[in-house]
């Protein structure tokens, strides 16, 4: 497994642990539908959250909204639908 895959897996583990701490129920991880993958599907009460985890190896933070492409958003929407 490449180091970027290990970093991504570690990021997903941290994200899932954070969600559980915030009382979310993890419904599914790494859900695949056609070409799409949803990293985490979680639920809290009547809310279902679709989570795309982005892990970085540097301390530089960018606008997180700009790190997910329009194509990826469309894939996530189709997988969630």
N, C-alpha and C. Protein backbone atom coordinates (compact mmCIF):
# COMPACT_ATOMS: atom_id res chain seq x y z
N UNK A 1 0.85 -1.18 0.00
CA UNK A 1 0.00 0.00 0.00
C UNK A 1 0.89 1.24 0.00
N UNK A 2 0.59 2.18 -0.86
CA UNK A 2 1.37 3.41 -0.95
C UNK A 2 1.19 4.28 0.27
N UNK A 3 2.17 5.16 0.52
CA UNK A 3 2.09 6.02 1.71
C UNK A 3 0.89 6.95 1.66
N UNK A 4 0.47 7.38 0.43
CA UNK A 4 -0.71 8.24 0.34
C UNK A 4 -1.97 7.47 0.72
N UNK A 5 -2.00 6.16 0.40
CA UNK A 5 -3.15 5.33 0.80
C UNK A 5 -3.20 5.16 2.31
N UNK A 6 -2.02 4.99 2.92
CA UNK A 6 -1.95 4.86 4.37
C UNK A 6 -2.40 6.14 5.05
N UNK A 7 -1.98 7.29 4.51
CA UNK A 7 -2.40 8.58 5.06
C UNK A 7 -3.91 8.73 4.94
N UNK A 8 -4.47 8.36 3.80
CA UNK A 8 -5.91 8.44 3.60
C UNK A 8 -6.67 7.55 4.57
N UNK A 9 -6.17 6.33 4.78
CA UNK A 9 -6.81 5.40 5.72
C UNK A 9 -6.75 5.95 7.14
N UNK A 10 -5.61 6.51 7.51
CA UNK A 10 -5.47 7.11 8.84
C UNK A 10 -6.43 8.29 9.00
N UNK A 11 -6.55 9.11 7.96
CA UNK A 11 -7.49 10.23 8.00
C UNK A 11 -8.92 9.77 8.17
N UNK A 12 -9.29 8.71 7.47
CA UNK A 12 -10.65 8.17 7.60
C UNK A 12 -10.89 7.61 9.00
N UNK A 13 -9.89 6.97 9.57
CA UNK A 13 -10.02 6.45 10.95
C UNK A 13 -10.25 7.60 11.93
N UNK A 14 -9.46 8.67 11.79
CA UNK A 14 -9.62 9.83 12.67
C UNK A 14 -10.99 10.48 12.49
N UNK A 15 -11.44 10.59 11.25
CA UNK A 15 -12.75 11.19 10.98
C UNK A 15 -13.86 10.35 11.59
N UNK A 16 -13.78 9.03 11.44
CA UNK A 16 -14.80 8.14 12.00
C UNK A 16 -14.81 8.23 13.53
N UNK A 17 -13.64 8.26 14.14
CA UNK A 17 -13.55 8.37 15.60
C UNK A 17 -14.15 9.68 16.08
N UNK A 18 -13.89 10.77 15.35
CA UNK A 18 -14.46 12.08 15.69
C UNK A 18 -15.98 12.03 15.62
N UNK A 19 -16.50 11.44 14.56
CA UNK A 19 -17.96 11.36 14.40
C UNK A 19 -18.60 10.54 15.52
N UNK A 20 -17.99 9.42 15.88
CA UNK A 20 -18.50 8.59 16.97
C UNK A 20 -18.49 9.39 18.28
N UNK A 21 -17.42 10.15 18.51
CA UNK A 21 -17.32 10.99 19.71
C UNK A 21 -18.45 12.02 19.74
N UNK A 22 -18.86 12.48 18.55
CA UNK A 22 -19.95 13.46 18.44
C UNK A 22 -21.32 12.78 18.36
N UNK A 23 -21.35 11.48 18.70
CA UNK A 23 -22.57 10.68 18.79
C UNK A 23 -23.24 10.38 17.46
N UNK A 24 -22.44 10.31 16.40
CA UNK A 24 -22.94 9.83 15.11
C UNK A 24 -22.80 8.31 15.08
N UNK A 25 -23.71 7.67 14.40
CA UNK A 25 -23.63 6.24 14.14
C UNK A 25 -23.01 6.06 12.76
N UNK A 26 -21.92 5.32 12.68
CA UNK A 26 -21.30 5.06 11.38
C UNK A 26 -22.10 3.95 10.71
N UNK A 27 -22.75 4.30 9.60
CA UNK A 27 -23.58 3.34 8.88
C UNK A 27 -22.74 2.51 7.92
N UNK A 28 -21.83 3.17 7.23
CA UNK A 28 -21.03 2.48 6.21
C UNK A 28 -19.74 3.25 5.97
N UNK A 29 -18.70 2.50 5.61
CA UNK A 29 -17.43 3.13 5.23
C UNK A 29 -17.02 2.60 3.87
N UNK A 30 -16.47 3.50 3.06
CA UNK A 30 -15.99 3.15 1.72
C UNK A 30 -17.07 2.51 0.85
N UNK A 31 -18.25 3.12 0.89
CA UNK A 31 -19.39 2.66 0.08
C UNK A 31 -19.11 2.97 -1.39
N UNK A 32 -19.27 1.98 -2.23
CA UNK A 32 -19.02 2.16 -3.67
C UNK A 32 -20.32 1.99 -4.45
N UNK A 33 -20.49 2.91 -5.41
CA UNK A 33 -21.61 2.84 -6.34
C UNK A 33 -21.09 3.29 -7.69
N UNK A 34 -21.08 2.39 -8.64
CA UNK A 34 -20.53 2.65 -9.97
C UNK A 34 -19.11 3.22 -9.83
N UNK A 35 -18.87 4.46 -10.27
CA UNK A 35 -17.53 5.04 -10.19
C UNK A 35 -17.33 5.87 -8.92
N UNK A 36 -18.33 5.94 -8.08
CA UNK A 36 -18.27 6.80 -6.90
C UNK A 36 -17.90 6.00 -5.66
N UNK A 37 -17.25 6.68 -4.73
CA UNK A 37 -17.00 6.10 -3.41
C UNK A 37 -17.29 7.16 -2.36
N UNK A 38 -18.09 6.77 -1.37
CA UNK A 38 -18.36 7.64 -0.22
C UNK A 38 -17.50 7.12 0.92
N UNK A 39 -16.65 7.98 1.47
CA UNK A 39 -15.74 7.55 2.53
C UNK A 39 -16.48 7.09 3.77
N UNK A 40 -17.42 7.92 4.24
CA UNK A 40 -18.17 7.58 5.45
C UNK A 40 -19.62 8.03 5.28
N UNK A 41 -20.54 7.15 5.66
CA UNK A 41 -21.95 7.51 5.77
C UNK A 41 -22.28 7.38 7.26
N UNK A 42 -22.76 8.47 7.84
CA UNK A 42 -23.03 8.48 9.28
C UNK A 42 -24.42 9.07 9.54
N UNK A 43 -24.97 8.73 10.69
CA UNK A 43 -26.30 9.23 11.05
C UNK A 43 -26.31 9.70 12.49
N UNK A 44 -27.01 10.82 12.69
CA UNK A 44 -27.26 11.34 14.04
C UNK A 44 -28.70 11.82 14.03
N UNK A 45 -29.55 11.14 14.79
CA UNK A 45 -30.96 11.48 14.78
C UNK A 45 -31.54 11.24 13.40
N UNK A 46 -32.23 12.24 12.87
CA UNK A 46 -32.83 12.14 11.54
C UNK A 46 -31.91 12.61 10.42
N UNK A 47 -30.67 12.95 10.76
CA UNK A 47 -29.73 13.47 9.77
C UNK A 47 -28.76 12.39 9.31
N UNK A 48 -28.65 12.24 8.00
CA UNK A 48 -27.66 11.34 7.42
C UNK A 48 -26.59 12.21 6.78
N UNK A 49 -25.34 11.95 7.12
CA UNK A 49 -24.21 12.73 6.61
C UNK A 49 -23.39 11.89 5.64
N UNK A 50 -23.06 12.48 4.51
CA UNK A 50 -22.18 11.87 3.52
C UNK A 50 -20.84 12.59 3.64
N UNK A 51 -19.80 11.85 4.02
CA UNK A 51 -18.53 12.49 4.35
C UNK A 51 -17.43 12.08 3.37
N UNK A 52 -16.79 13.08 2.80
CA UNK A 52 -15.60 12.90 1.96
C UNK A 52 -14.41 13.35 2.80
N UNK A 53 -13.51 12.42 3.11
CA UNK A 53 -12.36 12.72 3.96
C UNK A 53 -11.19 13.15 3.08
N UNK A 54 -10.57 14.26 3.43
CA UNK A 54 -9.38 14.74 2.74
C UNK A 54 -8.25 14.82 3.76
N UNK A 55 -7.20 14.05 3.54
CA UNK A 55 -6.04 14.04 4.43
C UNK A 55 -4.88 14.74 3.73
N UNK A 56 -4.12 15.47 4.51
CA UNK A 56 -2.97 16.20 3.97
C UNK A 56 -1.72 15.83 4.77
N UNK A 57 -0.60 15.76 4.07
CA UNK A 57 0.66 15.43 4.74
C UNK A 57 1.41 16.66 5.21
N UNK A 58 0.93 17.85 4.85
CA UNK A 58 1.58 19.09 5.29
C UNK A 58 0.65 19.86 6.22
N UNK A 59 1.20 20.86 6.87
CA UNK A 59 0.41 21.68 7.79
C UNK A 59 -0.35 22.78 7.06
N UNK A 60 -0.15 22.88 5.74
CA UNK A 60 -0.81 23.92 4.96
C UNK A 60 -2.30 23.60 4.84
N UNK A 61 -3.13 24.57 5.21
CA UNK A 61 -4.57 24.40 5.10
C UNK A 61 -5.09 25.27 3.98
N UNK A 62 -5.93 24.69 3.16
CA UNK A 62 -6.54 25.44 2.07
C UNK A 62 -8.06 25.44 2.27
N UNK A 63 -8.74 26.18 1.43
CA UNK A 63 -10.19 26.20 1.49
C UNK A 63 -10.70 24.81 1.14
N UNK A 64 -11.23 24.12 2.13
CA UNK A 64 -11.64 22.72 1.95
C UNK A 64 -12.68 22.57 0.85
N UNK A 65 -13.54 23.57 0.68
CA UNK A 65 -14.57 23.50 -0.36
C UNK A 65 -13.95 23.43 -1.76
N UNK A 66 -12.75 23.96 -1.90
CA UNK A 66 -12.08 23.95 -3.20
C UNK A 66 -11.31 22.66 -3.48
N UNK A 67 -11.20 21.78 -2.50
CA UNK A 67 -10.43 20.55 -2.68
C UNK A 67 -11.26 19.42 -3.27
N UNK A 68 -12.58 19.57 -3.29
CA UNK A 68 -13.46 18.55 -3.86
C UNK A 68 -13.96 19.08 -5.20
N UNK A 69 -13.61 18.37 -6.26
CA UNK A 69 -13.97 18.83 -7.60
C UNK A 69 -15.48 18.70 -7.85
N UNK A 70 -15.96 19.44 -8.84
CA UNK A 70 -17.37 19.35 -9.21
C UNK A 70 -17.72 17.93 -9.64
N UNK A 71 -16.81 17.28 -10.34
CA UNK A 71 -17.04 15.90 -10.77
C UNK A 71 -17.21 14.99 -9.56
N UNK A 72 -16.35 15.16 -8.54
CA UNK A 72 -16.44 14.33 -7.33
C UNK A 72 -17.75 14.60 -6.61
N UNK A 73 -18.17 15.84 -6.55
CA UNK A 73 -19.44 16.18 -5.91
C UNK A 73 -20.59 15.48 -6.64
N UNK A 74 -20.57 15.52 -7.96
CA UNK A 74 -21.62 14.86 -8.73
C UNK A 74 -21.62 13.35 -8.50
N UNK A 75 -20.44 12.75 -8.40
CA UNK A 75 -20.35 11.32 -8.11
C UNK A 75 -20.90 11.01 -6.72
N UNK A 76 -20.57 11.85 -5.74
CA UNK A 76 -21.09 11.65 -4.38
C UNK A 76 -22.61 11.76 -4.36
N UNK A 77 -23.14 12.74 -5.07
CA UNK A 77 -24.60 12.92 -5.12
C UNK A 77 -25.26 11.70 -5.76
N UNK A 78 -24.69 11.20 -6.85
CA UNK A 78 -25.29 10.04 -7.51
C UNK A 78 -25.21 8.80 -6.62
N UNK A 79 -24.13 8.64 -5.89
CA UNK A 79 -23.99 7.49 -4.99
C UNK A 79 -24.93 7.59 -3.80
N UNK A 80 -25.16 8.81 -3.33
CA UNK A 80 -26.03 9.01 -2.17
C UNK A 80 -27.50 8.88 -2.54
N UNK A 81 -27.80 9.15 -3.80
CA UNK A 81 -29.19 9.11 -4.26
C UNK A 81 -29.63 7.69 -4.34
